[in-house]
Protein backbone atom coordinates (compact mmCIF):
# COMPACT_ATOMS: atom_id res chain seq x y z
CA MET A 1 -10.04 -13.68 -21.17
CA LYS A 2 -10.03 -15.01 -17.62
CA ALA A 3 -10.90 -12.44 -14.94
CA LEU A 4 -8.09 -11.76 -12.48
CA ASN A 5 -8.12 -11.05 -8.77
CA LYS A 6 -8.51 -7.36 -7.88
CA VAL A 7 -7.60 -7.21 -4.16
CA ALA A 8 -4.63 -7.83 -1.89
CA LYS A 9 -3.92 -11.27 -0.46
CA ILE A 10 -4.24 -11.48 3.32
CA THR A 11 -0.63 -11.78 4.50
CA LEU A 12 1.54 -10.26 7.22
CA LEU A 13 2.45 -7.47 4.79
CA PHE A 14 -1.27 -6.78 4.27
CA TRP A 15 -1.85 -6.24 8.00
CA LEU A 16 1.28 -4.11 8.37
CA MET A 17 0.18 -1.89 5.49
CA LYS A 18 -3.36 -1.73 6.89
CA ILE A 19 -2.10 -0.44 10.26
CA VAL A 20 0.16 2.17 8.64
CA ALA A 21 -2.71 3.23 6.35
CA THR A 22 -5.02 3.68 9.34
CA THR A 23 -2.45 5.79 11.16
CA LEU A 24 -2.06 7.92 8.03
CA GLY A 25 -5.83 8.20 7.67
CA GLU A 26 -6.20 9.41 11.25
CA THR A 27 -3.47 12.05 11.08
CA LEU A 28 -4.38 13.17 7.55
CA GLY A 29 -8.06 13.47 8.42
CA ASP A 30 -7.24 15.59 11.47
CA PHE A 31 -4.84 17.67 9.38
CA ILE A 32 -7.56 18.52 6.86
CA ALA A 33 -10.35 19.22 9.34
CA GLN A 34 -8.48 20.64 12.32
CA THR A 35 -4.99 21.86 11.39
CA LEU A 36 -6.15 23.50 8.15
CA GLY A 37 -9.32 24.63 9.93
CA LEU A 38 -11.63 23.45 7.15
CA GLY A 39 -14.06 21.72 9.51
CA TYR A 40 -15.62 18.28 9.31
CA THR A 41 -18.23 19.00 6.64
CA ILE A 42 -15.64 20.35 4.18
CA GLY A 43 -13.27 17.59 5.30
CA ILE A 44 -15.83 14.94 4.38
CA LEU A 45 -16.41 16.54 0.97
CA ILE A 46 -12.67 16.63 0.21
CA THR A 47 -11.99 13.07 1.35
CA LEU A 48 -15.18 11.80 -0.31
CA LEU A 49 -14.01 13.26 -3.63
CA PHE A 50 -10.60 11.64 -3.21
CA PHE A 51 -12.28 8.33 -2.30
CA ALA A 52 -14.57 8.51 -5.36
CA ILE A 53 -11.66 9.20 -7.73
CA VAL A 54 -9.32 6.44 -6.52
CA LEU A 55 -12.18 3.95 -6.14
CA THR A 56 -13.26 4.58 -9.75
CA VAL A 57 -9.72 3.97 -10.96
CA GLN A 58 -9.47 0.83 -8.80
CA LEU A 59 -12.76 -0.59 -10.11
CA TYR A 60 -11.55 -0.17 -13.70
CA GLN A 61 -8.33 -2.08 -13.07
CA LYS A 62 -8.20 -5.55 -14.63
CA LYS A 63 -6.05 -7.02 -11.87
CA TYR A 64 -4.62 -6.24 -8.44
CA VAL A 65 -2.42 -3.13 -8.60
CA PRO A 66 -0.99 -2.33 -5.12
CA LEU A 67 -0.81 1.44 -5.69
CA TRP A 68 -4.50 1.88 -6.50
CA PHE A 69 -5.71 -0.72 -4.00
CA TRP A 70 -3.86 0.93 -1.11
CA LEU A 71 -4.82 4.43 -2.19
CA VAL A 72 -8.44 3.35 -1.79
CA ILE A 73 -7.65 1.89 1.65
CA ILE A 74 -5.99 5.20 2.64
CA ALA A 75 -9.02 7.07 1.29
CA THR A 76 -11.41 4.94 3.39
CA THR A 77 -9.35 5.46 6.54
CA THR A 78 -9.18 9.23 5.98
CA LEU A 79 -12.88 9.47 5.09
CA GLY A 80 -13.66 7.22 8.06
CA THR A 81 -11.93 9.69 10.36
CA GLU A 82 -14.00 12.55 8.97
CA ILE A 83 -17.27 10.57 9.18
CA SER A 84 -16.66 9.53 12.79
CA ASP A 85 -15.77 13.07 13.88
CA PHE A 86 -18.70 14.54 11.91
CA ILE A 87 -21.14 12.23 13.72
CA ASP A 88 -19.68 13.23 17.08
CA ARG A 89 -18.91 16.94 16.70
CA SER A 90 -21.28 18.16 14.01
CA LEU A 91 -24.29 15.90 14.62
CA HIS A 92 -23.51 15.74 18.38
CA LEU A 93 -24.45 12.06 18.60
CA GLY A 94 -21.27 11.08 20.45
CA TYR A 95 -18.88 8.22 19.79
CA THR A 96 -21.15 5.67 21.48
CA TRP A 97 -24.06 6.24 19.12
CA GLY A 98 -21.63 6.76 16.27
CA SER A 99 -20.13 3.32 16.88
CA ILE A 100 -23.60 1.75 17.05
CA LEU A 101 -24.75 3.41 13.81
CA LEU A 102 -21.59 2.44 11.93
CA PHE A 103 -21.69 -1.12 13.29
CA THR A 104 -25.29 -1.39 12.09
CA GLY A 105 -24.25 -0.16 8.63
CA LEU A 106 -21.47 -2.75 8.50
CA VAL A 107 -23.77 -5.60 9.53
CA ILE A 108 -26.35 -4.61 6.91
CA THR A 109 -23.64 -4.45 4.23
CA LEU A 110 -22.23 -7.86 5.14
CA PHE A 111 -25.75 -9.35 5.29
CA ALA A 112 -26.55 -8.02 1.80
CA TRP A 113 -23.16 -9.25 0.54
CA CYS A 114 -23.72 -12.75 1.94
CA LYS A 115 -27.28 -12.93 0.64
CA LYS A 116 -26.21 -11.99 -2.89
CA PHE A 117 -23.02 -14.06 -3.19
CA ARG A 118 -23.66 -16.80 -0.58
CA ASN A 119 -20.31 -16.11 1.07
CA LEU A 120 -18.15 -13.35 2.53
CA GLU A 121 -14.86 -14.41 0.98
CA VAL A 122 -12.49 -11.45 0.74
CA TYR A 123 -9.89 -13.12 -1.49
CA PRO A 124 -9.87 -13.55 -4.39
CA ILE A 125 -12.39 -11.01 -5.72
CA VAL A 126 -12.79 -10.82 -9.49
CA LYS A 127 -16.31 -9.45 -10.05
CA THR A 128 -16.85 -5.71 -9.93
CA ASN A 129 -20.25 -5.91 -8.21
CA LYS A 130 -18.73 -8.01 -5.41
CA GLU A 131 -15.80 -5.61 -5.17
CA VAL A 132 -18.26 -2.75 -4.58
CA PHE A 133 -19.63 -4.61 -1.54
CA TYR A 134 -16.03 -5.18 -0.42
CA TRP A 135 -15.23 -1.46 -0.45
CA ILE A 136 -18.48 -0.42 1.22
CA ALA A 137 -17.79 -2.90 4.02
CA ILE A 138 -14.24 -1.59 4.35
CA LEU A 139 -15.45 2.02 4.54
CA PHE A 140 -17.91 1.11 7.30
CA SER A 141 -15.20 -0.93 9.08
CA ASN A 142 -12.69 1.90 9.04
CA SER A 143 -15.29 4.45 10.14
CA LEU A 144 -16.39 2.13 12.94
CA GLY A 145 -12.81 1.53 13.99
CA THR A 146 -12.22 5.28 14.23
CA ALA A 147 -15.36 5.83 16.31
CA PHE A 148 -14.50 2.94 18.62
CA GLY A 149 -10.95 4.17 19.12
CA ASP A 150 -12.28 7.60 20.08
CA TYR A 151 -14.87 5.90 22.30
CA LEU A 152 -12.06 4.22 24.25
CA SER A 153 -10.24 7.51 24.80
CA ASP A 154 -13.07 10.05 25.14
CA VAL A 155 -15.84 7.95 26.75
CA VAL A 156 -14.01 5.17 28.60
CA GLY A 157 -11.18 7.54 29.50
CA LEU A 158 -8.21 5.45 28.38
CA SER A 159 -5.02 7.20 27.33
CA TYR A 160 -4.11 6.89 23.66
CA LEU A 161 -1.33 4.45 24.51
CA ASN A 162 -3.61 2.32 26.70
CA GLY A 163 -6.27 2.37 24.00
CA ALA A 164 -3.73 1.10 21.49
CA MET A 165 -2.75 -1.66 23.95
CA VAL A 166 -6.38 -2.74 24.35
CA THR A 167 -6.96 -2.99 20.60
CA ALA A 168 -3.55 -4.66 20.11
CA THR A 169 -4.56 -7.30 22.68
CA ILE A 170 -7.75 -8.00 20.73
CA ILE A 171 -5.74 -8.32 17.50
CA VAL A 172 -3.32 -10.77 19.16
CA LEU A 173 -6.30 -12.77 20.44
CA VAL A 174 -7.70 -12.94 16.89
CA VAL A 175 -4.33 -14.22 15.61
CA ILE A 176 -4.31 -16.92 18.31
CA LEU A 177 -7.86 -17.94 17.45
CA HIS A 178 -6.93 -18.04 13.76
CA TYR A 179 -4.21 -20.64 14.36
CA PHE A 180 -5.62 -22.58 17.31
CA SER A 181 -9.40 -22.59 16.90
CA LYS A 182 -12.02 -23.56 14.34
CA ILE A 183 -13.76 -20.18 14.37
CA ASN A 184 -14.73 -19.06 10.88
CA ARG A 185 -11.77 -17.35 9.21
CA ILE A 186 -13.95 -14.73 7.53
CA VAL A 187 -15.41 -13.68 10.89
CA LEU A 188 -11.90 -13.38 12.32
CA PHE A 189 -10.80 -11.34 9.30
CA TRP A 190 -13.51 -8.71 9.79
CA VAL A 191 -12.90 -8.55 13.55
CA ALA A 192 -9.18 -8.01 12.88
CA PHE A 193 -9.92 -5.50 10.13
CA ILE A 194 -12.15 -3.45 12.41
CA PHE A 195 -9.76 -3.44 15.35
CA THR A 196 -6.63 -2.65 13.35
CA ARG A 197 -8.38 0.64 12.58
CA PRO A 198 -8.64 1.88 16.20
CA PHE A 199 -5.13 0.53 16.82
CA GLY A 200 -3.75 2.67 14.00
CA ALA A 201 -6.05 5.57 14.95
CA THR A 202 -5.05 5.60 18.62
CA PHE A 203 -1.40 5.37 17.59
CA GLY A 204 -1.98 8.33 15.29
CA ASP A 205 -3.58 10.23 18.17
CA PHE A 206 -0.65 9.25 20.39
CA LEU A 207 1.71 10.88 17.86
CA THR A 208 -0.28 14.08 17.37
CA LYS A 209 -2.24 14.93 20.53
CA PRO A 210 -0.88 17.33 23.21
CA LEU A 211 1.34 16.05 26.01
CA ALA A 212 -1.38 16.95 28.53
CA LYS A 213 -3.69 14.44 26.83
CA GLY A 214 -1.11 11.67 26.73
CA GLY A 215 0.21 12.30 23.22
CA LEU A 216 3.63 13.20 21.82
CA ASP A 217 2.44 16.49 20.26
CA LEU A 218 4.28 15.91 16.96
CA GLY A 219 1.56 17.63 14.95
CA THR A 220 -0.68 16.21 12.25
CA LEU A 221 1.47 17.23 9.28
CA PRO A 222 4.80 15.68 10.45
CA ALA A 223 2.99 12.50 11.56
CA SER A 224 1.19 12.29 8.19
CA VAL A 225 4.44 12.76 6.25
CA VAL A 226 6.19 10.00 8.24
CA SER A 227 3.25 7.62 7.74
CA LEU A 228 3.06 8.48 4.03
CA VAL A 229 6.77 7.75 3.50
CA ILE A 230 6.46 4.39 5.29
CA MET A 231 3.35 3.56 3.25
CA ALA A 232 5.12 4.45 -0.01
CA VAL A 233 7.99 2.09 0.85
CA LEU A 234 5.55 -0.74 1.65
CA ILE A 235 3.64 -0.19 -1.61
CA TYR A 236 6.96 -0.33 -3.49
CA ILE A 237 7.79 -3.62 -1.75
CA SER A 238 4.37 -4.98 -2.70
CA HIS A 239 4.92 -4.06 -6.36
CA ARG A 240 8.35 -5.68 -6.27
CA GLN A 241 6.87 -8.89 -4.92
CA ILE A 242 4.38 -9.03 -7.78
CA SER A 243 7.12 -8.33 -10.35
CA SER A 244 9.32 -11.09 -8.94
CA LYS A 245 6.45 -13.61 -9.13
CA VAL A 246 5.77 -12.65 -12.76
CA ASN A 247 9.46 -13.03 -13.63
CA ASP A 248 9.59 -16.43 -11.92
């Protein structure tokens, strides 16, 4: 039996879902650690358990199933929020050192991936061992994106809206380079993947943080519910697209 692809194709819908997932991960992570008052250590344990469960289910799938794939993405964005905040507030290393550590972890993961498979192609992925590298790189990317987004607001001093504009500008630049340059597409993918995380994270902060800090003060729970509903609709659309292709 021929092995089938296990991951989402890189399309406009992919990037839209990625941004919504990152916003959900930011607000949900803050809801668990801050609103519920569980703290970052307990928050990491809860989100790590969720990540382990959905990743196990995803790895056992025989083909790409949008529900499980995007649940893992949501798990990495939520866990990434907890990891970034744990490094800053529990280990007291700050977002600068946190970003450096997470960037180093990502580079090491991609180096090991490239050395083993001789490429960094992210689609299609059919082998489980390669998919493991894929998810480790995504976890580091989402954690790094969270730390960098907080670096822009807490260290550089940008408002949440201005931080989102900065990362959005970088994303637009990547899109332009994708269509009008010969820069390696895999490099551009990982740059875009990293920076869609702080874009979604800063937007999540913009929705939830107090008015005095430049946010809308909607609260983590309402913002998480809104993001979850939008994500559910997008996952449904993704499943419908697959069904229509099978029927055709």
